Amino acid sequence: SLINVMVAVGVFSIPMFARIVRGSTLSVRKLEYIDAIRALGATDVTIIIKHIFPNILSPVIVQATLRLATAILSAAGLSYLGLGAQPPSPEWGAMLSSGRDYLFSAPHIALFPGIAIST
């Protein structure tokens, strides 16, 4: 089903985001202003929420934007293979798979979902 595909693609993306968050956190944690804030008596939770989290958010947003395109392609590929959304639901991979049977008589059935996937 479509929910299983979304869960599979989401679980597949977790390690990538974990590496980005960990790397960004380690680099921001070593900056001097974090030491200055700690010397002023800020707690670890305050430092994480107010200073580290806003600085690691930018790379995560960029990666999420890039990963969205990959997730769409992955979901379309799984649906094309019959592992995702089934033909009554409007999903590009399922539409491309059902249009494969009519490729010589009505190529527009597969053409438009194929163009949408490729762009």
N, C-alpha and C. Protein backbone atom coordinates (compact mmCIF):
# COMPACT_ATOMS: atom_id res chain seq x y z
N SER A 1 0.84 -1.18 0.00
CA SER A 1 0.00 0.00 0.00
C SER A 1 0.88 1.24 0.00
N LEU A 2 0.26 2.37 -0.18
CA LEU A 2 0.98 3.63 -0.24
C LEU A 2 1.61 3.98 1.10
N ILE A 3 0.96 3.64 2.18
CA ILE A 3 1.51 3.92 3.51
C ILE A 3 2.78 3.11 3.75
N ASN A 4 2.78 1.86 3.32
CA ASN A 4 3.98 1.03 3.46
C ASN A 4 5.15 1.60 2.67
N VAL A 5 4.87 2.13 1.49
CA VAL A 5 5.93 2.74 0.68
C VAL A 5 6.48 3.97 1.37
N MET A 6 5.60 4.81 1.92
CA MET A 6 6.07 6.01 2.61
C MET A 6 6.90 5.65 3.83
N VAL A 7 6.48 4.65 4.57
CA VAL A 7 7.25 4.22 5.75
C VAL A 7 8.60 3.66 5.32
N ALA A 8 8.63 2.86 4.26
CA ALA A 8 9.89 2.28 3.80
C ALA A 8 10.86 3.35 3.33
N VAL A 9 10.37 4.32 2.57
CA VAL A 9 11.25 5.39 2.09
C VAL A 9 11.70 6.26 3.27
N GLY A 10 10.82 6.51 4.23
CA GLY A 10 11.19 7.29 5.40
C GLY A 10 12.23 6.60 6.27
N VAL A 11 12.06 5.31 6.49
CA VAL A 11 13.03 4.56 7.30
C VAL A 11 14.37 4.49 6.58
N PHE A 12 14.32 4.40 5.26
CA PHE A 12 15.55 4.37 4.47
C PHE A 12 16.31 5.69 4.57
N SER A 13 15.61 6.79 4.83
CA SER A 13 16.23 8.12 4.89
C SER A 13 16.79 8.46 6.27
N ILE A 14 16.40 7.75 7.30
CA ILE A 14 16.81 8.10 8.66
C ILE A 14 18.33 8.13 8.84
N PRO A 15 19.09 7.14 8.38
CA PRO A 15 20.55 7.20 8.59
C PRO A 15 21.20 8.42 7.95
N MET A 16 20.72 8.83 6.80
CA MET A 16 21.28 9.99 6.13
C MET A 16 21.09 11.25 6.96
N PHE A 17 19.89 11.44 7.49
CA PHE A 17 19.63 12.61 8.32
C PHE A 17 20.38 12.52 9.65
N ALA A 18 20.52 11.33 10.18
CA ALA A 18 21.25 11.16 11.44
C ALA A 18 22.72 11.55 11.27
N ARG A 19 23.32 11.18 10.14
CA ARG A 19 24.71 11.56 9.89
C ARG A 19 24.86 13.06 9.75
N ILE A 20 23.91 13.70 9.08
CA ILE A 20 23.99 15.15 8.90
C ILE A 20 23.82 15.86 10.23
N VAL A 21 22.86 15.43 11.03
CA VAL A 21 22.63 16.06 12.33
C VAL A 21 23.83 15.85 13.25
N ARG A 22 24.38 14.65 13.25
CA ARG A 22 25.54 14.37 14.11
C ARG A 22 26.75 15.19 13.69
N GLY A 23 27.04 15.22 12.40
CA GLY A 23 28.19 15.98 11.92
C GLY A 23 28.05 17.46 12.17
N SER A 24 26.88 18.00 11.92
CA SER A 24 26.65 19.42 12.16
C SER A 24 26.72 19.75 13.64
N THR A 25 26.18 18.87 14.47
CA THR A 25 26.23 19.10 15.91
C THR A 25 27.66 19.08 16.43
N LEU A 26 28.45 18.13 15.95
CA LEU A 26 29.84 18.07 16.40
C LEU A 26 30.63 19.30 15.96
N SER A 27 30.35 19.83 14.77
CA SER A 27 31.09 21.01 14.32
C SER A 27 30.63 22.27 15.04
N VAL A 28 29.33 22.41 15.30
CA VAL A 28 28.83 23.59 16.00
C VAL A 28 29.24 23.55 17.47
N ARG A 29 29.30 22.37 18.04
CA ARG A 29 29.64 22.23 19.46
C ARG A 29 31.05 22.72 19.77
N LYS A 30 31.93 22.67 18.77
CA LYS A 30 33.33 23.07 18.99
C LYS A 30 33.56 24.56 18.78
N LEU A 31 32.54 25.31 18.41
CA LEU A 31 32.71 26.74 18.20
C LEU A 31 32.87 27.47 19.53
N GLU A 32 33.53 28.63 19.46
CA GLU A 32 33.89 29.35 20.69
C GLU A 32 32.68 29.91 21.42
N TYR A 33 31.67 30.33 20.68
CA TYR A 33 30.54 30.94 21.37
C TYR A 33 29.77 29.93 22.22
N ILE A 34 29.85 28.65 21.89
CA ILE A 34 29.23 27.62 22.74
C ILE A 34 29.97 27.54 24.07
N ASP A 35 31.30 27.63 24.02
CA ASP A 35 32.08 27.64 25.27
C ASP A 35 31.77 28.89 26.09
N ALA A 36 31.58 30.02 25.40
CA ALA A 36 31.25 31.26 26.12
C ALA A 36 29.88 31.17 26.79
N ILE A 37 28.93 30.59 26.10
CA ILE A 37 27.59 30.44 26.67
C ILE A 37 27.63 29.48 27.86
N ARG A 38 28.40 28.42 27.73
CA ARG A 38 28.53 27.46 28.83
C ARG A 38 29.21 28.14 30.04
N ALA A 39 30.19 29.02 29.78
CA ALA A 39 30.87 29.73 30.87
C ALA A 39 29.93 30.71 31.56
N LEU A 40 28.94 31.19 30.83
CA LEU A 40 27.96 32.09 31.45
C LEU A 40 26.94 31.36 32.30
N GLY A 41 26.97 30.03 32.27
CA GLY A 41 26.11 29.25 33.14
C GLY A 41 24.86 28.68 32.49
N ALA A 42 24.82 28.66 31.16
CA ALA A 42 23.64 28.10 30.49
C ALA A 42 23.64 26.58 30.63
N THR A 43 22.47 26.02 30.76
CA THR A 43 22.36 24.56 30.88
C THR A 43 22.52 23.92 29.50
N ASP A 44 22.74 22.61 29.51
CA ASP A 44 22.91 21.89 28.25
C ASP A 44 21.66 21.96 27.38
N VAL A 45 20.50 21.87 28.01
CA VAL A 45 19.24 21.92 27.25
C VAL A 45 19.08 23.29 26.58
N THR A 46 19.42 24.35 27.29
CA THR A 46 19.34 25.69 26.73
C THR A 46 20.30 25.85 25.56
N ILE A 47 21.49 25.35 25.71
CA ILE A 47 22.48 25.44 24.63
C ILE A 47 22.01 24.66 23.41
N ILE A 48 21.46 23.49 23.63
CA ILE A 48 21.00 22.67 22.50
C ILE A 48 19.84 23.34 21.78
N ILE A 49 18.84 23.80 22.54
CA ILE A 49 17.63 24.34 21.92
C ILE A 49 17.86 25.71 21.30
N LYS A 50 18.56 26.59 21.99
CA LYS A 50 18.68 27.97 21.52
C LYS A 50 19.87 28.23 20.62
N HIS A 51 20.89 27.39 20.67
CA HIS A 51 22.10 27.71 19.92
C HIS A 51 22.53 26.63 18.94
N ILE A 52 22.48 25.39 19.34
CA ILE A 52 22.93 24.33 18.43
C ILE A 52 21.85 24.00 17.42
N PHE A 53 20.62 23.79 17.87
CA PHE A 53 19.54 23.39 16.96
C PHE A 53 19.31 24.37 15.80
N PRO A 54 19.25 25.69 16.05
CA PRO A 54 19.07 26.60 14.90
C PRO A 54 20.22 26.55 13.90
N ASN A 55 21.42 26.25 14.36
CA ASN A 55 22.57 26.21 13.46
C ASN A 55 22.68 24.91 12.68
N ILE A 56 22.09 23.84 13.16
CA ILE A 56 22.13 22.59 12.39
C ILE A 56 20.89 22.43 11.53
N LEU A 57 19.95 23.33 11.64
CA LEU A 57 18.70 23.21 10.89
C LEU A 57 18.88 23.45 9.39
N SER A 58 19.78 24.34 9.00
CA SER A 58 19.96 24.65 7.58
C SER A 58 20.39 23.44 6.75
N PRO A 59 21.42 22.70 7.14
CA PRO A 59 21.77 21.52 6.33
C PRO A 59 20.68 20.46 6.30
N VAL A 60 19.92 20.35 7.38
CA VAL A 60 18.83 19.37 7.41
C VAL A 60 17.72 19.77 6.44
N ILE A 61 17.41 21.06 6.36
CA ILE A 61 16.38 21.52 5.42
C ILE A 61 16.83 21.30 3.99
N VAL A 62 18.09 21.59 3.70
CA VAL A 62 18.61 21.37 2.34
C VAL A 62 18.55 19.89 1.98
N GLN A 63 18.97 19.04 2.89
CA GLN A 63 18.95 17.60 2.62
C GLN A 63 17.52 17.09 2.48
N ALA A 64 16.60 17.62 3.27
CA ALA A 64 15.21 17.19 3.15
C ALA A 64 14.63 17.58 1.80
N THR A 65 15.00 18.74 1.30
CA THR A 65 14.54 19.16 -0.02
C THR A 65 15.07 18.24 -1.10
N LEU A 66 16.35 17.91 -1.02
CA LEU A 66 16.94 17.00 -2.00
C LEU A 66 16.37 15.59 -1.86
N ARG A 67 16.15 15.16 -0.65
CA ARG A 67 15.65 13.81 -0.41
C ARG A 67 14.20 13.65 -0.86
N LEU A 68 13.45 14.75 -0.89
CA LEU A 68 12.07 14.69 -1.34
C LEU A 68 11.99 14.20 -2.79
N ALA A 69 12.87 14.71 -3.64
CA ALA A 69 12.88 14.26 -5.04
C ALA A 69 13.23 12.79 -5.14
N THR A 70 14.20 12.35 -4.36
CA THR A 70 14.58 10.94 -4.37
C THR A 70 13.45 10.06 -3.83
N ALA A 71 12.73 10.56 -2.84
CA ALA A 71 11.62 9.79 -2.28
C ALA A 71 10.50 9.63 -3.30
N ILE A 72 10.24 10.68 -4.08
CA ILE A 72 9.22 10.58 -5.12
C ILE A 72 9.62 9.55 -6.16
N LEU A 73 10.89 9.57 -6.57
CA LEU A 73 11.37 8.59 -7.54
C LEU A 73 11.33 7.18 -6.98
N SER A 74 11.69 7.02 -5.72
CA SER A 74 11.65 5.69 -5.10
C SER A 74 10.23 5.16 -5.02
N ALA A 75 9.30 6.01 -4.62
CA ALA A 75 7.90 5.59 -4.53
C ALA A 75 7.35 5.25 -5.91
N ALA A 76 7.72 6.03 -6.92
CA ALA A 76 7.26 5.75 -8.28
C ALA A 76 7.86 4.44 -8.78
N GLY A 77 9.12 4.20 -8.47
CA GLY A 77 9.75 2.94 -8.89
C GLY A 77 9.12 1.74 -8.23
N LEU A 78 8.84 1.85 -6.94
CA LEU A 78 8.19 0.73 -6.25
C LEU A 78 6.77 0.49 -6.77
N SER A 79 6.06 1.56 -7.07
CA SER A 79 4.71 1.40 -7.62
C SER A 79 4.76 0.82 -9.02
N TYR A 80 5.77 1.19 -9.79
CA TYR A 80 5.91 0.64 -11.13
C TYR A 80 6.13 -0.87 -11.07
N LEU A 81 6.88 -1.31 -10.07
CA LEU A 81 7.14 -2.74 -9.91
C LEU A 81 5.97 -3.48 -9.27
N GLY A 82 4.97 -2.75 -8.81
CA GLY A 82 3.80 -3.38 -8.20
C GLY A 82 3.90 -3.51 -6.70
N LEU A 83 4.90 -2.88 -6.09
CA LEU A 83 5.08 -2.98 -4.64
C LEU A 83 4.51 -1.79 -3.88
N GLY A 84 4.03 -0.79 -4.59
CA GLY A 84 3.52 0.41 -3.93
C GLY A 84 2.03 0.54 -4.08
N ALA A 85 1.62 1.72 -4.51
CA ALA A 85 0.20 2.00 -4.70
C ALA A 85 -0.34 1.16 -5.86
N GLN A 86 -1.53 0.68 -5.70
CA GLN A 86 -2.16 -0.13 -6.74
C GLN A 86 -2.90 0.77 -7.74
N PRO A 87 -3.19 0.31 -8.95
CA PRO A 87 -3.70 1.14 -10.04
C PRO A 87 -4.91 2.03 -9.76
N PRO A 88 -5.85 1.72 -8.90
CA PRO A 88 -6.92 2.72 -8.71
C PRO A 88 -6.43 4.03 -8.11
N SER A 89 -5.36 4.00 -7.34
CA SER A 89 -4.86 5.25 -6.75
C SER A 89 -3.96 5.96 -7.77
N PRO A 90 -4.05 7.28 -7.85
CA PRO A 90 -3.28 8.02 -8.85
C PRO A 90 -1.83 8.22 -8.41
N GLU A 91 -0.98 7.32 -8.77
CA GLU A 91 0.45 7.41 -8.45
C GLU A 91 1.22 7.23 -9.75
N TRP A 92 2.27 8.02 -9.95
CA TRP A 92 2.96 8.06 -11.23
C TRP A 92 3.51 6.70 -11.65
N GLY A 93 4.07 5.97 -10.74
CA GLY A 93 4.61 4.66 -11.09
C GLY A 93 3.52 3.68 -11.50
N ALA A 94 2.40 3.71 -10.80
CA ALA A 94 1.28 2.83 -11.16
C ALA A 94 0.68 3.23 -12.50
N MET A 95 0.59 4.54 -12.76
CA MET A 95 0.08 4.99 -14.06
C MET A 95 1.01 4.59 -15.19
N LEU A 96 2.31 4.68 -14.95
CA LEU A 96 3.28 4.28 -15.96
C LEU A 96 3.22 2.78 -16.21
N SER A 97 3.03 2.01 -15.16
CA SER A 97 2.93 0.56 -15.29
C SER A 97 1.68 0.15 -16.05
N SER A 98 0.56 0.80 -15.77
CA SER A 98 -0.67 0.45 -16.49
C SER A 98 -0.63 0.96 -17.92
N GLY A 99 0.08 2.03 -18.19
CA GLY A 99 0.20 2.55 -19.54
C GLY A 99 1.15 1.75 -20.41
N ARG A 100 1.94 0.90 -19.80
CA ARG A 100 2.88 0.06 -20.53
C ARG A 100 2.16 -0.89 -21.48
N ASP A 101 0.97 -1.34 -21.12
CA ASP A 101 0.20 -2.25 -21.97
C ASP A 101 -0.33 -1.57 -23.23
N TYR A 102 -0.52 -0.26 -23.17
CA TYR A 102 -1.10 0.49 -24.29
C TYR A 102 -0.06 1.35 -25.00
N LEU A 103 1.19 0.99 -24.91
CA LEU A 103 2.26 1.83 -25.43
C LEU A 103 2.17 2.05 -26.94
N PHE A 104 1.77 1.04 -27.70
CA PHE A 104 1.70 1.18 -29.16
C PHE A 104 0.38 1.78 -29.63
N SER A 105 -0.71 1.52 -28.93
CA SER A 105 -2.01 2.04 -29.38
C SER A 105 -2.31 3.43 -28.82
N ALA A 106 -1.90 3.71 -27.59
CA ALA A 106 -2.15 5.02 -26.97
C ALA A 106 -0.94 5.41 -26.12
N PRO A 107 0.13 5.90 -26.75
CA PRO A 107 1.35 6.19 -26.00
C PRO A 107 1.22 7.32 -24.99
N HIS A 108 0.20 8.16 -25.13
CA HIS A 108 0.04 9.27 -24.19
C HIS A 108 -0.29 8.79 -22.78
N ILE A 109 -0.81 7.58 -22.65
CA ILE A 109 -1.14 7.06 -21.32
C ILE A 109 0.13 6.89 -20.48
N ALA A 110 1.21 6.47 -21.11
CA ALA A 110 2.47 6.30 -20.39
C ALA A 110 3.38 7.52 -20.54
N LEU A 111 3.13 8.34 -21.55
CA LEU A 111 4.02 9.47 -21.82
C LEU A 111 3.98 10.52 -20.72
N PHE A 112 2.80 10.93 -20.32
CA PHE A 112 2.69 12.02 -19.36
C PHE A 112 3.17 11.64 -17.95
N PRO A 113 2.86 10.45 -17.43
CA PRO A 113 3.47 10.08 -16.14
C PRO A 113 4.99 9.94 -16.25
N GLY A 114 5.48 9.46 -17.39
CA GLY A 114 6.93 9.35 -17.58
C GLY A 114 7.61 10.70 -17.60
N ILE A 115 6.97 11.68 -18.24
CA ILE A 115 7.52 13.04 -18.25
C ILE A 115 7.49 13.63 -16.84
N ALA A 116 6.42 13.39 -16.12
CA ALA A 116 6.31 13.92 -14.75
C ALA A 116 7.37 13.32 -13.84
N ILE A 117 7.68 12.04 -14.02
CA ILE A 117 8.70 11.40 -13.19
C ILE A 117 10.08 11.92 -13.56
N SER A 118 10.32 12.12 -14.84
CA SER A 118 11.67 12.49 -15.28
C SER A 118 12.00 13.96 -15.03
N THR A 119 11.00 14.80 -14.79
CA THR A 119 11.32 16.21 -14.56
C THR A 119 11.29 16.58 -13.12
